[in-house]
C-alpha atoms as a PDB file:
ATOM      1  CA  UNK A   1      64.097  53.188 146.294  1.00  0.00           C
ATOM      2  CA  UNK A   2      65.498  55.788 144.076  1.00  0.00           C
ATOM      3  CA  UNK A   3      69.025  56.990 144.373  1.00  0.00           C
ATOM      4  CA  UNK A   4      70.079  59.914 142.173  1.00  0.00           C
ATOM      5  CA  UNK A   5      67.300  58.711 139.659  1.00  0.00           C
ATOM      6  CA  UNK A   6      68.613  55.086 139.575  1.00  0.00           C
ATOM      7  CA  UNK A   7      66.408  52.409 140.885  1.00  0.00           C
ATOM      8  CA  UNK A   8      68.414  50.780 143.686  1.00  0.00           C
ATOM      9  CA  UNK A   9      67.803  47.452 145.350  1.00  0.00           C
ATOM     10  CA  UNK A  10      69.572  47.553 148.827  1.00  0.00           C
ATOM     11  CA  UNK A  11      70.536  44.473 151.017  1.00  0.00           C
ATOM     12  CA  UNK A  12      73.017  43.936 153.732  1.00  0.00           C
ATOM     13  CA  UNK A  13      75.367  41.096 154.153  1.00  0.00           C
ATOM     14  CA  UNK A  14      77.738  40.452 157.082  1.00  0.00           C
ATOM     15  CA  UNK A  15      81.209  39.036 156.263  1.00  0.00           C
ATOM     16  CA  UNK A  16      83.630  38.437 158.981  1.00  0.00           C
ATOM     17  CA  UNK A  17      82.082  41.072 161.359  1.00  0.00           C
ATOM     18  CA  UNK A  18      82.293  43.639 158.588  1.00  0.00           C
ATOM     19  CA  UNK A  19      79.406  45.152 157.102  1.00  0.00           C
ATOM     20  CA  UNK A  20      78.936  45.028 153.042  1.00  0.00           C
ATOM     21  CA  UNK A  21      76.258  47.013 151.436  1.00  0.00           C
ATOM     22  CA  UNK A  22      75.361  45.915 148.083  1.00  0.00           C
ATOM     23  CA  UNK A  23      74.031  49.175 146.526  1.00  0.00           C
ATOM     24  CA  UNK A  24      72.943  48.308 143.133  1.00  0.00           C
ATOM     25  CA  UNK A  25      72.396  44.699 142.837  1.00  0.00           C
ATOM     26  CA  UNK A  26      71.549  44.967 139.064  1.00  0.00           C
ATOM     27  CA  UNK A  27      74.850  45.920 138.330  1.00  0.00           C
ATOM     28  CA  UNK A  28      76.293  44.322 141.149  1.00  0.00           C
ATOM     29  CA  UNK A  29      78.264  47.261 142.464  1.00  0.00           C
ATOM     30  CA  UNK A  30      79.518  46.605 146.072  1.00  0.00           C
ATOM     31  CA  UNK A  31      80.913  49.132 148.408  1.00  0.00           C
ATOM     32  CA  UNK A  32      82.854  47.862 151.488  1.00  0.00           C
ATOM     33  CA  UNK A  33      85.893  47.973 153.539  1.00  0.00           C
ATOM     34  CA  UNK A  34      89.144  47.117 151.631  1.00  0.00           C
ATOM     35  CA  UNK A  35      90.647  43.722 152.440  1.00  0.00           C
ATOM     36  CA  UNK A  36      94.537  43.209 153.069  1.00  0.00           C
ATOM     37  CA  UNK A  37      94.977  41.235 150.113  1.00  0.00           C
ATOM     38  CA  UNK A  38      93.615  43.973 147.914  1.00  0.00           C
ATOM     39  CA  UNK A  39      96.381  46.538 148.900  1.00  0.00           C
ATOM     40  CA  UNK A  40      98.238  46.234 145.406  1.00  0.00           C
ATOM     41  CA  UNK A  41      95.190  46.944 143.564  1.00  0.00           C
ATOM     42  CA  UNK A  42      94.215  50.051 145.756  1.00  0.00           C
ATOM     43  CA  UNK A  43      97.794  51.426 145.399  1.00  0.00           C
ATOM     44  CA  UNK A  44      97.544  50.901 141.593  1.00  0.00           C
ATOM     45  CA  UNK A  45      94.213  53.081 141.547  1.00  0.00           C
ATOM     46  CA  UNK A  46      95.778  55.535 143.909  1.00  0.00           C
ATOM     47  CA  UNK A  47      98.456  55.879 141.308  1.00  0.00           C
ATOM     48  CA  UNK A  48      95.753  56.453 138.657  1.00  0.00           C
ATOM     49  CA  UNK A  49      94.241  59.225 140.697  1.00  0.00           C
ATOM     50  CA  UNK A  50      97.600  60.973 141.187  1.00  0.00           C
ATOM     51  CA  UNK A  51      98.429  60.604 137.452  1.00  0.00           C
ATOM     52  CA  UNK A  52      95.051  62.076 136.147  1.00  0.00           C
ATOM     53  CA  UNK A  53      94.920  65.142 138.883  1.00  0.00           C
ATOM     54  CA  UNK A  54      98.052  66.963 137.965  1.00  0.00           C
ATOM     55  CA  UNK A  55      97.342  69.229 141.134  1.00  0.00           C
ATOM     56  CA  UNK A  56      97.081  66.110 143.557  1.00  0.00           C
ATOM     57  CA  UNK A  57     100.087  66.034 145.854  1.00  0.00           C
ATOM     58  CA  UNK A  58     102.706  63.770 144.720  1.00  0.00           C
ATOM     59  CA  UNK A  59     102.076  60.032 145.873  1.00  0.00           C
ATOM     60  CA  UNK A  60     105.178  58.510 147.258  1.00  0.00           C
ATOM     61  CA  UNK A  61     105.993  55.328 149.162  1.00  0.00           C
ATOM     62  CA  UNK A  62     105.662  56.978 152.555  1.00  0.00           C
ATOM     63  CA  UNK A  63     102.229  58.182 151.839  1.00  0.00           C
ATOM     64  CA  UNK A  64     101.206  54.788 150.884  1.00  0.00           C
ATOM     65  CA  UNK A  65     102.842  53.094 153.925  1.00  0.00           C
ATOM     66  CA  UNK A  66     101.217  55.472 156.180  1.00  0.00           C
ATOM     67  CA  UNK A  67      97.604  54.799 154.768  1.00  0.00           C
ATOM     68  CA  UNK A  68      97.942  51.123 155.171  1.00  0.00           C
ATOM     69  CA  UNK A  69      99.447  51.757 158.648  1.00  0.00           C
ATOM     70  CA  UNK A  70      96.471  53.458 159.939  1.00  0.00           C
ATOM     71  CA  UNK A  71      93.458  52.191 157.825  1.00  0.00           C
ATOM     72  CA  UNK A  72      93.273  48.662 159.205  1.00  0.00           C
ATOM     73  CA  UNK A  73      92.348  49.944 162.807  1.00  0.00           C
ATOM     74  CA  UNK A  74      89.706  52.239 161.344  1.00  0.00           C
ATOM     75  CA  UNK A  75      90.121  54.527 164.247  1.00  0.00           C
ATOM     76  CA  UNK A  76      90.974  57.756 162.243  1.00  0.00           C
ATOM     77  CA  UNK A  77      91.092  56.745 158.556  1.00  0.00           C
ATOM     78  CA  UNK A  78      89.111  54.188 156.617  1.00  0.00           C
ATOM     79  CA  UNK A  79      89.831  52.591 153.277  1.00  0.00           C
ATOM     80  CA  UNK A  80      86.796  51.453 151.216  1.00  0.00           C
ATOM     81  CA  UNK A  81      86.478  49.969 147.816  1.00  0.00           C
ATOM     82  CA  UNK A  82      83.943  49.764 145.000  1.00  0.00           C
ATOM     83  CA  UNK A  83      83.668  46.378 143.355  1.00  0.00           C
ATOM     84  CA  UNK A  84      82.104  45.281 140.263  1.00  0.00           C
ATOM     85  CA  UNK A  85      81.835  41.492 140.081  1.00  0.00           C
ATOM     86  CA  UNK A  86      85.335  40.537 141.127  1.00  0.00           C
ATOM     87  CA  UNK A  87      86.949  43.709 139.988  1.00  0.00           C
ATOM     88  CA  UNK A  88      87.839  46.639 142.318  1.00  0.00           C
ATOM     89  CA  UNK A  89      86.940  49.608 140.306  1.00  0.00           C
ATOM     90  CA  UNK A  90      87.160  52.449 142.756  1.00  0.00           C
ATOM     91  CA  UNK A  91      88.422  53.450 146.299  1.00  0.00           C
ATOM     92  CA  UNK A  92      87.701  56.175 148.911  1.00  0.00           C
ATOM     93  CA  UNK A  93      89.638  57.390 151.927  1.00  0.00           C
ATOM     94  CA  UNK A  94      87.335  58.514 154.531  1.00  0.00           C
ATOM     95  CA  UNK A  95      88.666  60.402 157.709  1.00  0.00           C
ATOM     96  CA  UNK A  96      87.122  60.888 160.912  1.00  0.00           C
ATOM     97  CA  UNK A  97      87.702  64.077 163.017  1.00  0.00           C
ATOM     98  CA  UNK A  98      86.115  66.262 165.716  1.00  0.00           C
ATOM     99  CA  UNK A  99      85.155  69.975 165.275  1.00  0.00           C
ATOM    100  CA  UNK A 100      83.780  72.441 167.896  1.00  0.00           C
ATOM    101  CA  UNK A 101      82.230  74.563 165.038  1.00  0.00           C
ATOM    102  CA  UNK A 102      80.412  71.313 163.820  1.00  0.00           C
ATOM    103  CA  UNK A 103      79.331  70.195 167.424  1.00  0.00           C
ATOM    104  CA  UNK A 104      80.929  66.827 167.019  1.00  0.00           C
ATOM    105  CA  UNK A 105      82.380  64.341 164.764  1.00  0.00           C
ATOM    106  CA  UNK A 106      82.740  64.921 160.923  1.00  0.00           C
ATOM    107  CA  UNK A 107      84.014  62.870 158.104  1.00  0.00           C
ATOM    108  CA  UNK A 108      86.065  63.754 155.257  1.00  0.00           C
ATOM    109  CA  UNK A 109      86.344  62.246 151.905  1.00  0.00           C
ATOM    110  CA  UNK A 110      90.007  62.654 151.554  1.00  0.00           C
ATOM    111  CA  UNK A 111      90.227  60.630 148.134  1.00  0.00           C
ATOM    112  CA  UNK A 112      87.596  59.191 145.887  1.00  0.00           C
ATOM    113  CA  UNK A 113      88.334  57.570 142.729  1.00  0.00           C
ATOM    114  CA  UNK A 114      86.516  55.519 140.133  1.00  0.00           C
ATOM    115  CA  UNK A 115      88.283  53.898 137.147  1.00  0.00           C
ATOM    116  CA  UNK A 116      87.741  56.003 134.028  1.00  0.00           C
ATOM    117  CA  UNK A 117      85.744  53.337 131.991  1.00  0.00           C
ATOM    118  CA  UNK A 118      83.269  53.147 134.885  1.00  0.00           C
ATOM    119  CA  UNK A 119      82.391  56.911 135.291  1.00  0.00           C
ATOM    120  CA  UNK A 120      79.315  58.638 134.219  1.00  0.00           C
ATOM    121  CA  UNK A 121      77.228  55.687 135.365  1.00  0.00           C
ATOM    122  CA  UNK A 122      76.159  56.704 138.754  1.00  0.00           C
ATOM    123  CA  UNK A 123      78.854  54.785 140.594  1.00  0.00           C
ATOM    124  CA  UNK A 124      80.514  57.833 141.988  1.00  0.00           C
ATOM    125  CA  UNK A 125      77.194  59.346 143.157  1.00  0.00           C
ATOM    126  CA  UNK A 126      76.314  55.951 144.814  1.00  0.00           C
ATOM    127  CA  UNK A 127      79.674  55.585 146.565  1.00  0.00           C
ATOM    128  CA  UNK A 128      79.258  59.171 148.149  1.00  0.00           C
ATOM    129  CA  UNK A 129      75.714  58.295 149.258  1.00  0.00           C
ATOM    130  CA  UNK A 130      77.048  55.228 150.674  1.00  0.00           C
ATOM    131  CA  UNK A 131      79.678  57.196 152.519  1.00  0.00           C
ATOM    132  CA  UNK A 132      77.185  59.728 153.737  1.00  0.00           C
ATOM    133  CA  UNK A 133      75.281  56.837 155.335  1.00  0.00           C
ATOM    134  CA  UNK A 134      78.453  55.469 156.895  1.00  0.00           C
ATOM    135  CA  UNK A 135      79.195  58.894 158.239  1.00  0.00           C
ATOM    136  CA  UNK A 136      75.602  59.124 159.770  1.00  0.00           C
ATOM    137  CA  UNK A 137      75.882  55.522 161.145  1.00  0.00           C
ATOM    138  CA  UNK A 138      79.167  56.632 162.971  1.00  0.00           C
ATOM    139  CA  UNK A 139      77.663  59.819 164.487  1.00  0.00           C
ATOM    140  CA  UNK A 140      79.186  62.233 162.090  1.00  0.00           C
ATOM    141  CA  UNK A 141      77.417  65.837 161.633  1.00  0.00           C
ATOM    142  CA  UNK A 142      78.857  66.583 158.491  1.00  0.00           C
ATOM    143  CA  UNK A 143      81.066  65.367 155.526  1.00  0.00           C
ATOM    144  CA  UNK A 144      83.804  67.565 153.967  1.00  0.00           C
ATOM    145  CA  UNK A 145      85.421  66.728 150.654  1.00  0.00           C
ATOM    146  CA  UNK A 146      88.616  68.286 149.243  1.00  0.00           C
ATOM    147  CA  UNK A 147      88.884  68.796 145.446  1.00  0.00           C
ATOM    148  CA  UNK A 148      91.686  70.415 143.581  1.00  0.00           C
ATOM    149  CA  UNK A 149      90.665  73.616 142.000  1.00  0.00           C
ATOM    150  CA  UNK A 150      91.229  72.082 138.471  1.00  0.00           C
ATOM    151  CA  UNK A 151      88.863  69.052 138.969  1.00  0.00           C
ATOM    152  CA  UNK A 152      85.586  70.685 137.613  1.00  0.00           C
ATOM    153  CA  UNK A 153      84.009  67.547 136.939  1.00  0.00           C
ATOM    154  CA  UNK A 154      84.356  66.238 140.749  1.00  0.00           C
ATOM    155  CA  UNK A 155      83.348  69.838 141.942  1.00  0.00           C
ATOM    156  CA  UNK A 156      80.208  69.528 139.728  1.00  0.00           C
ATOM    157  CA  UNK A 157      79.430  66.330 141.109  1.00  0.00           C
ATOM    158  CA  UNK A 158      79.703  67.221 144.718  1.00  0.00           C
ATOM    159  CA  UNK A 159      77.315  70.384 144.123  1.00  0.00           C
ATOM    160  CA  UNK A 160      74.969  68.401 142.384  1.00  0.00           C
ATOM    161  CA  UNK A 161      74.915  65.878 145.317  1.00  0.00           C
ATOM    162  CA  UNK A 162      74.375  68.990 147.657  1.00  0.00           C
ATOM    163  CA  UNK A 163      77.685  69.885 148.880  1.00  0.00           C
ATOM    164  CA  UNK A 164      78.253  73.629 149.111  1.00  0.00           C
ATOM    165  CA  UNK A 165      81.563  75.148 148.160  1.00  0.00           C
ATOM    166  CA  UNK A 166      82.743  76.989 151.567  1.00  0.00           C
ATOM    167  CA  UNK A 167      84.140  80.528 151.426  1.00  0.00           C
ATOM    168  CA  UNK A 168      87.116  81.423 153.502  1.00  0.00           C
ATOM    169  CA  UNK A 169      85.894  80.623 156.685  1.00  0.00           C
ATOM    170  CA  UNK A 170      85.278  83.919 158.963  1.00  0.00           C
ATOM    171  CA  UNK A 171      88.101  85.762 157.629  1.00  0.00           C
ATOM    172  CA  UNK A 172      90.768  82.968 158.369  1.00  0.00           C
ATOM    173  CA  UNK A 173      92.599  80.550 156.364  1.00  0.00           C
ATOM    174  CA  UNK A 174      93.310  76.945 157.086  1.00  0.00           C
ATOM    175  CA  UNK A 175      96.914  76.451 157.112  1.00  0.00           C
ATOM    176  CA  UNK A 176      99.404  73.361 157.349  1.00  0.00           C
ATOM    177  CA  UNK A 177     102.546  72.765 158.998  1.00  0.00           C
ATOM    178  CA  UNK A 178     104.035  69.219 158.874  1.00  0.00           C
ATOM    179  CA  UNK A 179     105.617  68.052 162.071  1.00  0.00           C
ATOM    180  CA  UNK A 180     107.288  64.926 160.781  1.00  0.00           C
END
């Protein structure tokens, strides 16, 4: 099977009732749900994303606490990792929500990060393809991504993978008010 021009050998493994997809067995890249004992490594990667992308909202202990509060039950937010051998080389935060406009559930890739030395090797593209399959398997009709305006490389990647940049939707602007 070809995925973004790469030959992919796909296999499925079940571990503790969690499904792990081994996407590229030649390079031993695995995408799977994070394990609680990997929390500190994921936090380290989160700090890496926050340091690299200057437009990213500041990462603080409360944000970290809330992610690890909600991610384990997998109801609204899921946390996945990319693993090479025994090393966690990336992570993704995937959010599930409902939209009347989209006629059902949709997913949002809230964060996606791959360590710099593993970039430009197709890992990000494979991770996104894996997240898309995960979304379909969980009855999502679409996937949103949010990219800061200065992160041109990420925008180019998403466009290359078929994501469309949305204009201001129907003359309205998405606005936020924090309630906590």
